[in-house]
Amino acid sequence: MKLFVGLGNPGRQYEKTRHNIGFDVIDELSKRWNIPLDQAKHKGVYGKGFKGGEKVILLKPLTYMNLSGESIRAVMDFYDIDIEDIVVIYDDLDMPTGRIRLRQKGSAGGHNGIKSTIAHTGTQEFKRIRVGISRPTKGAITDWVLGRFTAEEQEQMAEAVLKSADACEEWLKKPFLDVMNTFNK
Protein backbone atom coordinates (compact mmCIF):
# COMPACT_ATOMS: atom_id res chain seq x y z
CA MET A 1 0.00 0.00 0.00
CA LYS A 2 1.29 3.45 -0.93
CA LEU A 3 0.28 6.72 0.72
CA PHE A 4 0.37 9.93 -1.33
CA VAL A 5 0.12 13.06 0.84
CA GLY A 6 -0.39 16.57 -0.47
CA LEU A 7 0.25 19.38 2.00
CA GLY A 8 -1.93 22.47 2.17
CA ASN A 9 -4.41 24.39 4.29
CA PRO A 10 -8.13 23.59 4.50
CA GLY A 11 -10.81 26.07 3.50
CA ARG A 12 -11.95 27.87 0.37
CA GLN A 13 -9.85 30.93 1.19
CA TYR A 14 -6.69 28.84 0.66
CA GLU A 15 -7.72 27.11 -2.57
CA LYS A 16 -5.28 27.70 -5.44
CA THR A 17 -2.73 29.45 -3.21
CA ARG A 18 0.99 28.74 -3.43
CA HIS A 19 1.01 26.85 -0.13
CA ASN A 20 -1.72 24.47 -1.37
CA ILE A 21 0.06 23.04 -4.38
CA GLY A 22 0.26 19.65 -2.63
CA PHE A 23 -3.55 19.59 -2.43
CA ASP A 24 -3.69 20.39 -6.15
CA VAL A 25 -1.53 17.37 -6.98
CA ILE A 26 -3.74 15.08 -4.85
CA ASP A 27 -6.81 16.47 -6.64
CA GLU A 28 -5.16 15.66 -9.99
CA LEU A 29 -4.38 12.09 -8.86
CA SER A 30 -7.94 11.69 -7.55
CA LYS A 31 -9.27 12.70 -10.97
CA ARG A 32 -6.80 10.56 -12.97
CA TRP A 33 -7.20 7.46 -10.88
CA ASN A 34 -10.94 7.88 -10.25
CA ILE A 35 -10.40 7.76 -6.48
CA PRO A 36 -12.82 10.15 -4.77
CA LEU A 37 -11.62 11.90 -1.62
CA ASP A 38 -14.73 10.81 0.22
CA GLN A 39 -13.52 9.87 3.68
CA ALA A 40 -13.05 12.40 6.45
CA LYS A 41 -11.13 10.79 9.29
CA HIS A 42 -7.68 10.86 10.83
CA LYS A 43 -7.60 14.69 10.72
CA GLY A 44 -7.80 14.69 6.95
CA VAL A 45 -9.80 13.91 3.86
CA TYR A 46 -8.72 10.93 1.82
CA GLY A 47 -9.65 8.30 -0.70
CA LYS A 48 -8.63 4.68 -1.17
CA GLY A 49 -8.39 2.68 -4.34
CA PHE A 50 -6.18 0.66 -6.64
CA LYS A 51 -3.82 1.81 -9.35
CA GLY A 52 -1.69 -0.58 -11.36
CA GLY A 53 -2.51 -3.44 -9.00
CA GLU A 54 -1.29 -1.45 -5.98
CA LYS A 55 -3.55 -0.28 -3.16
CA VAL A 56 -3.19 3.49 -2.77
CA ILE A 57 -4.41 6.18 -0.41
CA LEU A 58 -4.59 9.85 -1.39
CA LEU A 59 -4.51 12.16 1.66
CA LYS A 60 -5.04 15.87 2.23
CA PRO A 61 -4.42 16.67 5.92
CA LEU A 62 -6.99 19.14 7.26
CA THR A 63 -4.96 20.21 10.28
CA TYR A 64 -3.46 23.32 8.68
CA MET A 65 0.08 23.14 7.42
CA ASN A 66 1.90 23.34 10.76
CA LEU A 67 0.21 20.19 12.10
CA SER A 68 0.16 18.06 8.94
CA GLY A 69 2.22 15.33 10.57
CA GLU A 70 -0.65 14.52 12.96
CA SER A 71 -2.86 13.41 10.08
CA ILE A 72 -0.05 11.56 8.31
CA ARG A 73 0.82 9.64 11.49
CA ALA A 74 -2.84 8.78 12.14
CA VAL A 75 -3.27 7.31 8.63
CA MET A 76 0.08 5.48 8.85
CA ASP A 77 -0.95 3.88 12.14
CA PHE A 78 -4.52 3.01 11.14
CA TYR A 79 -3.52 1.38 7.84
CA ASP A 80 -0.13 0.09 9.05
CA ILE A 81 1.81 1.93 6.33
CA ASP A 82 5.61 1.93 6.46
CA ILE A 83 7.50 5.19 6.04
CA GLU A 84 9.14 3.89 2.85
CA ASP A 85 5.68 3.66 1.24
CA ILE A 86 4.88 7.35 1.66
CA VAL A 87 5.50 10.34 -0.58
CA VAL A 88 4.76 13.90 0.58
CA ILE A 89 4.10 16.62 -2.01
CA TYR A 90 4.57 20.25 -1.01
CA ASP A 91 5.56 23.76 -2.06
CA ASP A 92 9.18 24.94 -1.94
CA LEU A 93 10.21 28.60 -1.75
CA ASP A 94 13.80 27.82 -2.69
CA MET A 95 13.02 26.45 -6.13
CA PRO A 96 11.94 28.34 -9.25
CA THR A 97 8.21 28.52 -9.89
CA GLY A 98 6.94 25.41 -11.62
CA ARG A 99 10.07 23.29 -11.14
CA ILE A 100 9.73 19.94 -9.36
CA ARG A 101 12.38 18.00 -7.49
CA LEU A 102 12.12 14.54 -5.97
CA ARG A 103 14.09 13.51 -2.88
CA GLN A 104 14.28 10.33 -0.84
CA LYS A 105 14.98 12.12 2.43
CA GLY A 106 16.18 15.41 3.87
CA SER A 107 15.64 18.17 6.37
CA ALA A 108 12.54 20.34 6.63
CA GLY A 109 14.28 23.22 4.90
CA GLY A 110 12.19 25.68 6.90
CA HIS A 111 8.86 24.19 5.74
CA ASN A 112 6.51 23.85 8.72
CA GLY A 113 4.46 21.05 7.19
CA ILE A 114 7.62 19.00 6.70
CA LYS A 115 8.82 19.89 10.22
CA SER A 116 5.54 18.48 11.55
CA THR A 117 5.84 15.38 9.38
CA ILE A 118 9.37 14.74 10.65
CA ALA A 119 8.24 15.28 14.25
CA HIS A 120 5.30 12.86 13.96
CA THR A 121 7.00 10.16 11.90
CA GLY A 122 10.23 10.36 13.88
CA THR A 123 12.38 10.45 10.74
CA GLN A 124 13.54 12.62 7.85
CA GLU A 125 13.74 9.54 5.64
CA PHE A 126 10.54 9.79 3.62
CA LYS A 127 10.06 10.49 -0.06
CA ARG A 128 9.10 13.97 -1.20
CA ILE A 129 8.09 15.84 -4.29
CA ARG A 130 8.98 19.50 -3.90
CA VAL A 131 7.17 21.94 -6.18
CA GLY A 132 8.87 25.31 -6.66
CA ILE A 133 6.95 28.49 -5.89
CA SER A 134 9.98 30.86 -5.73
CA ARG A 135 10.61 33.49 -3.07
CA PRO A 136 8.97 36.89 -3.15
CA THR A 137 11.17 39.76 -4.32
CA LYS A 138 9.77 41.82 -1.47
CA GLY A 139 7.18 41.47 1.25
CA ALA A 140 6.39 38.89 3.89
CA ILE A 141 6.79 35.18 3.22
CA THR A 142 3.41 34.42 4.82
CA ASP A 143 1.60 36.77 2.45
CA TRP A 144 3.48 35.19 -0.47
CA VAL A 145 2.72 31.53 0.30
CA LEU A 146 -0.92 32.30 1.08
CA GLY A 147 -1.24 34.38 -2.09
CA ARG A 148 -2.50 33.25 -5.46
CA PHE A 149 -0.44 32.70 -8.59
CA THR A 150 -0.21 35.27 -11.38
CA ALA A 151 -1.63 34.28 -14.78
CA GLU A 152 1.86 33.39 -16.01
CA GLU A 153 2.60 31.37 -12.87
CA GLN A 154 -0.73 29.54 -13.20
CA GLU A 155 0.42 28.06 -16.51
CA GLN A 156 3.74 26.97 -14.99
CA MET A 157 2.04 25.49 -11.95
CA ALA A 158 -0.54 23.60 -14.02
CA GLU A 159 2.38 21.90 -15.77
CA ALA A 160 4.12 21.25 -12.42
CA VAL A 161 0.97 19.61 -11.03
CA LEU A 162 0.80 17.31 -14.07
CA LYS A 163 4.52 16.44 -13.82
CA SER A 164 4.19 15.75 -10.09
CA ALA A 165 1.23 13.44 -10.73
CA ASP A 166 3.22 11.73 -13.50
CA ALA A 167 6.06 11.13 -11.02
CA CYS A 168 3.59 9.60 -8.54
CA GLU A 169 2.33 7.25 -11.25
CA GLU A 170 5.87 6.24 -12.17
CA TRP A 171 6.60 5.38 -8.51
CA LEU A 172 3.92 2.70 -8.74
CA LYS A 173 5.92 1.04 -11.54
CA LYS A 174 9.57 1.72 -10.67
CA PRO A 175 11.87 2.25 -7.69
CA PHE A 176 11.78 5.85 -6.44
CA LEU A 177 15.47 6.34 -7.28
CA ASP A 178 14.69 5.60 -10.94
CA VAL A 179 11.78 8.04 -10.83
CA MET A 180 14.09 10.66 -9.32
CA ASN A 181 16.61 10.15 -12.10
CA THR A 182 13.89 10.70 -14.70
CA PHE A 183 12.16 13.73 -13.17
CA ASN A 184 15.12 15.58 -11.64
CA LYS A 185 16.76 16.23 -15.03
C-alpha atoms as a PDB file:
ATOM      1  CA  MET A   1       0.000   0.000   0.000  1.00  0.00           C
ATOM      2  CA  LYS A   2       1.289   3.455  -0.933  1.00  0.00           C
ATOM      3  CA  LEU A   3       0.281   6.724   0.720  1.00  0.00           C
ATOM      4  CA  PHE A   4       0.370   9.930  -1.328  1.00  0.00           C
ATOM      5  CA  VAL A   5       0.123  13.056   0.838  1.00  0.00           C
ATOM      6  CA  GLY A   6      -0.387  16.574  -0.470  1.00  0.00           C
ATOM      7  CA  LEU A   7       0.247  19.377   1.998  1.00  0.00           C
ATOM      8  CA  GLY A   8      -1.928  22.471   2.174  1.00  0.00           C
ATOM      9  CA  ASN A   9      -4.408  24.388   4.294  1.00  0.00           C
ATOM     10  CA  PRO A  10      -8.135  23.589   4.504  1.00  0.00           C
ATOM     11  CA  GLY A  11     -10.808  26.073   3.499  1.00  0.00           C
ATOM     12  CA  ARG A  12     -11.952  27.873   0.371  1.00  0.00           C
ATOM     13  CA  GLN A  13      -9.849  30.935   1.188  1.00  0.00           C
ATOM     14  CA  TYR A  14      -6.689  28.845   0.664  1.00  0.00           C
ATOM     15  CA  GLU A  15      -7.722  27.114  -2.568  1.00  0.00           C
ATOM     16  CA  LYS A  16      -5.284  27.697  -5.441  1.00  0.00           C
ATOM     17  CA  THR A  17      -2.732  29.446  -3.210  1.00  0.00           C
ATOM     18  CA  ARG A  18       0.991  28.745  -3.425  1.00  0.00           C
ATOM     19  CA  HIS A  19       1.005  26.853  -0.133  1.00  0.00           C
ATOM     20  CA  ASN A  20      -1.716  24.473  -1.370  1.00  0.00           C
ATOM     21  CA  ILE A  21       0.065  23.041  -4.384  1.00  0.00           C
ATOM     22  CA  GLY A  22       0.258  19.653  -2.629  1.00  0.00           C
ATOM     23  CA  PHE A  23      -3.549  19.585  -2.425  1.00  0.00           C
ATOM     24  CA  ASP A  24      -3.692  20.391  -6.147  1.00  0.00           C
ATOM     25  CA  VAL A  25      -1.533  17.366  -6.976  1.00  0.00           C
ATOM     26  CA  ILE A  26      -3.737  15.084  -4.848  1.00  0.00           C
ATOM     27  CA  ASP A  27      -6.806  16.470  -6.640  1.00  0.00           C
ATOM     28  CA  GLU A  28      -5.162  15.656  -9.988  1.00  0.00           C
ATOM     29  CA  LEU A  29      -4.377  12.093  -8.862  1.00  0.00           C
ATOM     30  CA  SER A  30      -7.935  11.695  -7.553  1.00  0.00           C
ATOM     31  CA  LYS A  31      -9.271  12.695 -10.967  1.00  0.00           C
ATOM     32  CA  ARG A  32      -6.801  10.563 -12.975  1.00  0.00           C
ATOM     33  CA  TRP A  33      -7.205   7.459 -10.877  1.00  0.00           C
ATOM     34  CA  ASN A  34     -10.935   7.881 -10.245  1.00  0.00           C
ATOM     35  CA  ILE A  35     -10.403   7.755  -6.478  1.00  0.00           C
ATOM     36  CA  PRO A  36     -12.819  10.149  -4.767  1.00  0.00           C
ATOM     37  CA  LEU A  37     -11.617  11.900  -1.617  1.00  0.00           C
ATOM     38  CA  ASP A  38     -14.728  10.810   0.219  1.00  0.00           C
ATOM     39  CA  GLN A  39     -13.517   9.867   3.678  1.00  0.00           C
ATOM     40  CA  ALA A  40     -13.045  12.403   6.449  1.00  0.00           C
ATOM     41  CA  LYS A  41     -11.126  10.794   9.292  1.00  0.00           C
ATOM     42  CA  HIS A  42      -7.679  10.863  10.827  1.00  0.00           C
ATOM     43  CA  LYS A  43      -7.597  14.694  10.719  1.00  0.00           C
ATOM     44  CA  GLY A  44      -7.800  14.693   6.945  1.00  0.00           C
ATOM     45  CA  VAL A  45      -9.801  13.915   3.858  1.00  0.00           C
ATOM     46  CA  TYR A  46      -8.718  10.928   1.820  1.00  0.00           C
ATOM     47  CA  GLY A  47      -9.650   8.301  -0.702  1.00  0.00           C
ATOM     48  CA  LYS A  48      -8.629   4.683  -1.169  1.00  0.00           C
ATOM     49  CA  GLY A  49      -8.387   2.681  -4.338  1.00  0.00           C
ATOM     50  CA  PHE A  50      -6.179   0.663  -6.640  1.00  0.00           C
ATOM     51  CA  LYS A  51      -3.816   1.813  -9.348  1.00  0.00           C
ATOM     52  CA  GLY A  52      -1.688  -0.578 -11.361  1.00  0.00           C
ATOM     53  CA  GLY A  53      -2.511  -3.443  -8.999  1.00  0.00           C
ATOM     54  CA  GLU A  54      -1.288  -1.446  -5.982  1.00  0.00           C
ATOM     55  CA  LYS A  55      -3.551  -0.278  -3.159  1.00  0.00           C
ATOM     56  CA  VAL A  56      -3.191   3.494  -2.773  1.00  0.00           C
ATOM     57  CA  ILE A  57      -4.407   6.184  -0.407  1.00  0.00           C
ATOM     58  CA  LEU A  58      -4.588   9.851  -1.389  1.00  0.00           C
ATOM     59  CA  LEU A  59      -4.515  12.160   1.658  1.00  0.00           C
ATOM     60  CA  LYS A  60      -5.036  15.871   2.225  1.00  0.00           C
ATOM     61  CA  PRO A  61      -4.418  16.666   5.925  1.00  0.00           C
ATOM     62  CA  LEU A  62      -6.994  19.137   7.257  1.00  0.00           C
ATOM     63  CA  THR A  63      -4.957  20.207  10.283  1.00  0.00           C
ATOM     64  CA  TYR A  64      -3.461  23.322   8.679  1.00  0.00           C
ATOM     65  CA  MET A  65       0.076  23.137   7.422  1.00  0.00           C
ATOM     66  CA  ASN A  66       1.900  23.343  10.760  1.00  0.00           C
ATOM     67  CA  LEU A  67       0.211  20.194  12.103  1.00  0.00           C
ATOM     68  CA  SER A  68       0.162  18.061   8.938  1.00  0.00           C
ATOM     69  CA  GLY A  69       2.218  15.332  10.573  1.00  0.00           C
ATOM     70  CA  GLU A  70      -0.652  14.518  12.958  1.00  0.00           C
ATOM     71  CA  SER A  71      -2.863  13.406  10.081  1.00  0.00           C
ATOM     72  CA  ILE A  72      -0.053  11.556   8.315  1.00  0.00           C
ATOM     73  CA  ARG A  73       0.825   9.645  11.494  1.00  0.00           C
ATOM     74  CA  ALA A  74      -2.839   8.778  12.135  1.00  0.00           C
ATOM     75  CA  VAL A  75      -3.267   7.315   8.629  1.00  0.00           C
ATOM     76  CA  MET A  76       0.077   5.479   8.850  1.00  0.00           C
ATOM     77  CA  ASP A  77      -0.951   3.884  12.143  1.00  0.00           C
ATOM     78  CA  PHE A  78      -4.521   3.015  11.139  1.00  0.00           C
ATOM     79  CA  TYR A  79      -3.516   1.384   7.839  1.00  0.00           C
ATOM     80  CA  ASP A  80      -0.128   0.092   9.049  1.00  0.00           C
ATOM     81  CA  ILE A  81       1.814   1.931   6.331  1.00  0.00           C
ATOM     82  CA  ASP A  82       5.605   1.926   6.455  1.00  0.00           C
ATOM     83  CA  ILE A  83       7.502   5.193   6.037  1.00  0.00           C
ATOM     84  CA  GLU A  84       9.144   3.890   2.852  1.00  0.00           C
ATOM     85  CA  ASP A  85       5.678   3.661   1.243  1.00  0.00           C
ATOM     86  CA  ILE A  86       4.876   7.353   1.660  1.00  0.00           C
ATOM     87  CA  VAL A  87       5.505  10.342  -0.582  1.00  0.00           C
ATOM     88  CA  VAL A  88       4.759  13.900   0.584  1.00  0.00           C
ATOM     89  CA  ILE A  89       4.099  16.617  -2.006  1.00  0.00           C
ATOM     90  CA  TYR A  90       4.568  20.253  -1.011  1.00  0.00           C
ATOM     91  CA  ASP A  91       5.562  23.764  -2.064  1.00  0.00           C
ATOM     92  CA  ASP A  92       9.178  24.939  -1.936  1.00  0.00           C
ATOM     93  CA  LEU A  93      10.215  28.604  -1.747  1.00  0.00           C
ATOM     94  CA  ASP A  94      13.803  27.824  -2.686  1.00  0.00           C
ATOM     95  CA  MET A  95      13.018  26.447  -6.130  1.00  0.00           C
ATOM     96  CA  PRO A  96      11.941  28.342  -9.247  1.00  0.00           C
ATOM     97  CA  THR A  97       8.210  28.521  -9.889  1.00  0.00           C
ATOM     98  CA  GLY A  98       6.942  25.410 -11.622  1.00  0.00           C
ATOM     99  CA  ARG A  99      10.066  23.291 -11.137  1.00  0.00           C
ATOM    100  CA  ILE A 100       9.728  19.938  -9.364  1.00  0.00           C
ATOM    101  CA  ARG A 101      12.380  17.999  -7.488  1.00  0.00           C
ATOM    102  CA  LEU A 102      12.121  14.541  -5.968  1.00  0.00           C
ATOM    103  CA  ARG A 103      14.093  13.514  -2.885  1.00  0.00           C
ATOM    104  CA  GLN A 104      14.280  10.327  -0.844  1.00  0.00           C
ATOM    105  CA  LYS A 105      14.980  12.120   2.433  1.00  0.00           C
ATOM    106  CA  GLY A 106      16.176  15.407   3.871  1.00  0.00           C
ATOM    107  CA  SER A 107      15.639  18.171   6.370  1.00  0.00           C
ATOM    108  CA  ALA A 108      12.540  20.337   6.629  1.00  0.00           C
ATOM    109  CA  GLY A 109      14.282  23.222   4.895  1.00  0.00           C
ATOM    110  CA  GLY A 110      12.187  25.679   6.902  1.00  0.00           C
ATOM    111  CA  HIS A 111       8.856  24.187   5.736  1.00  0.00           C
ATOM    112  CA  ASN A 112       6.513  23.851   8.720  1.00  0.00           C
ATOM    113  CA  GLY A 113       4.456  21.046   7.190  1.00  0.00           C
ATOM    114  CA  ILE A 114       7.615  19.003   6.705  1.00  0.00           C
ATOM    115  CA  LYS A 115       8.820  19.888  10.222  1.00  0.00           C
ATOM    116  CA  SER A 116       5.541  18.481  11.553  1.00  0.00           C
ATOM    117  CA  THR A 117       5.839  15.382   9.376  1.00  0.00           C
ATOM    118  CA  ILE A 118       9.373  14.739  10.647  1.00  0.00           C
ATOM    119  CA  ALA A 119       8.244  15.280  14.249  1.00  0.00           C
ATOM    120  CA  HIS A 120       5.303  12.862  13.958  1.00  0.00           C
ATOM    121  CA  THR A 121       6.999  10.155  11.899  1.00  0.00           C
ATOM    122  CA  GLY A 122      10.232  10.359  13.875  1.00  0.00           C
ATOM    123  CA  THR A 123      12.376  10.452  10.738  1.00  0.00           C
ATOM    124  CA  GLN A 124      13.543  12.619   7.847  1.00  0.00           C
ATOM    125  CA  GLU A 125      13.737   9.541   5.642  1.00  0.00           C
ATOM    126  CA  PHE A 126      10.543   9.785   3.616  1.00  0.00           C
ATOM    127  CA  LYS A 127      10.063  10.489  -0.062  1.00  0.00           C
ATOM    128  CA  ARG A 128       9.100  13.966  -1.203  1.00  0.00           C
ATOM    129  CA  ILE A 129       8.092  15.836  -4.295  1.00  0.00           C
ATOM    130  CA  ARG A 130       8.981  19.501  -3.901  1.00  0.00           C
ATOM    131  CA  VAL A 131       7.168  21.941  -6.176  1.00  0.00           C
ATOM    132  CA  GLY A 132       8.867  25.306  -6.663  1.00  0.00           C
ATOM    133  CA  ILE A 133       6.948  28.490  -5.887  1.00  0.00           C
ATOM    134  CA  SER A 134       9.985  30.864  -5.732  1.00  0.00           C
ATOM    135  CA  ARG A 135      10.613  33.495  -3.070  1.00  0.00           C
ATOM    136  CA  PRO A 136       8.972  36.892  -3.155  1.00  0.00           C
ATOM    137  CA  THR A 137      11.174  39.761  -4.320  1.00  0.00           C
ATOM    138  CA  LYS A 138       9.773  41.824  -1.467  1.00  0.00           C
ATOM    139  CA  GLY A 139       7.180  41.472   1.255  1.00  0.00           C
ATOM    140  CA  ALA A 140       6.385  38.892   3.886  1.00  0.00           C
ATOM    141  CA  ILE A 141       6.790  35.182   3.219  1.00  0.00           C
ATOM    142  CA  THR A 142       3.412  34.424   4.822  1.00  0.00           C
ATOM    143  CA  ASP A 143       1.596  36.766   2.449  1.00  0.00           C
ATOM    144  CA  TRP A 144       3.480  35.192  -0.465  1.00  0.00           C
ATOM    145  CA  VAL A 145       2.725  31.532   0.301  1.00  0.00           C
ATOM    146  CA  LEU A 146      -0.920  32.299   1.079  1.00  0.00           C
ATOM    147  CA  GLY A 147      -1.239  34.380  -2.089  1.00  0.00           C
ATOM    148  CA  ARG A 148      -2.499  33.255  -5.463  1.00  0.00           C
ATOM    149  CA  PHE A 149      -0.436  32.698  -8.593  1.00  0.00           C
ATOM    150  CA  THR A 150      -0.211  35.268 -11.379  1.00  0.00           C
ATOM    151  CA  ALA A 151      -1.632  34.278 -14.781  1.00  0.00           C
ATOM    152  CA  GLU A 152       1.864  33.388 -16.011  1.00  0.00           C
ATOM    153  CA  GLU A 153       2.596  31.367 -12.867  1.00  0.00           C
ATOM    154  CA  GLN A 154      -0.734  29.536 -13.201  1.00  0.00           C
ATOM    155  CA  GLU A 155       0.418  28.059 -16.511  1.00  0.00           C
ATOM    156  CA  GLN A 156       3.744  26.974 -14.991  1.00  0.00           C
ATOM    157  CA  MET A 157       2.039  25.490 -11.954  1.00  0.00           C
ATOM    158  CA  ALA A 158      -0.535  23.599 -14.018  1.00  0.00           C
ATOM    159  CA  GLU A 159       2.381  21.900 -15.770  1.00  0.00           C
ATOM    160  CA  ALA A 160       4.123  21.248 -12.417  1.00  0.00           C
ATOM    161  CA  VAL A 161       0.970  19.606 -11.032  1.00  0.00           C
ATOM    162  CA  LEU A 162       0.799  17.306 -14.068  1.00  0.00           C
ATOM    163  CA  LYS A 163       4.516  16.436 -13.821  1.00  0.00           C
ATOM    164  CA  SER A 164       4.190  15.746 -10.087  1.00  0.00           C
ATOM    165  CA  ALA A 165       1.230  13.442 -10.729  1.00  0.00           C
ATOM    166  CA  ASP A 166       3.220  11.727 -13.500  1.00  0.00           C
ATOM    167  CA  ALA A 167       6.056  11.134 -11.018  1.00  0.00           C
ATOM    168  CA  CYS A 168       3.592   9.599  -8.542  1.00  0.00           C
ATOM    169  CA  GLU A 169       2.332   7.255 -11.248  1.00  0.00           C
ATOM    170  CA  GLU A 170       5.871   6.236 -12.167  1.00  0.00           C
ATOM    171  CA  TRP A 171       6.602   5.375  -8.514  1.00  0.00           C
ATOM    172  CA  LEU A 172       3.918   2.702  -8.739  1.00  0.00           C
ATOM    173  CA  LYS A 173       5.921   1.041 -11.542  1.00  0.00           C
ATOM    174  CA  LYS A 174       9.571   1.724 -10.666  1.00  0.00           C
ATOM    175  CA  PRO A 175      11.871   2.249  -7.685  1.00  0.00           C
ATOM    176  CA  PHE A 176      11.778   5.847  -6.441  1.00  0.00           C
ATOM    177  CA  LEU A 177      15.465   6.340  -7.281  1.00  0.00           C
ATOM    178  CA  ASP A 178      14.695   5.596 -10.936  1.00  0.00           C
ATOM    179  CA  VAL A 179      11.781   8.037 -10.831  1.00  0.00           C
ATOM    180  CA  MET A 180      14.094  10.665  -9.315  1.00  0.00           C
ATOM    181  CA  ASN A 181      16.611  10.147 -12.104  1.00  0.00           C
ATOM    182  CA  THR A 182      13.893  10.696 -14.702  1.00  0.00           C
ATOM    183  CA  PHE A 183      12.157  13.730 -13.174  1.00  0.00           C
ATOM    184  CA  ASN A 184      15.121  15.579 -11.642  1.00  0.00           C
ATOM    185  CA  LYS A 185      16.758  16.234 -15.032  1.00  0.00           C
END
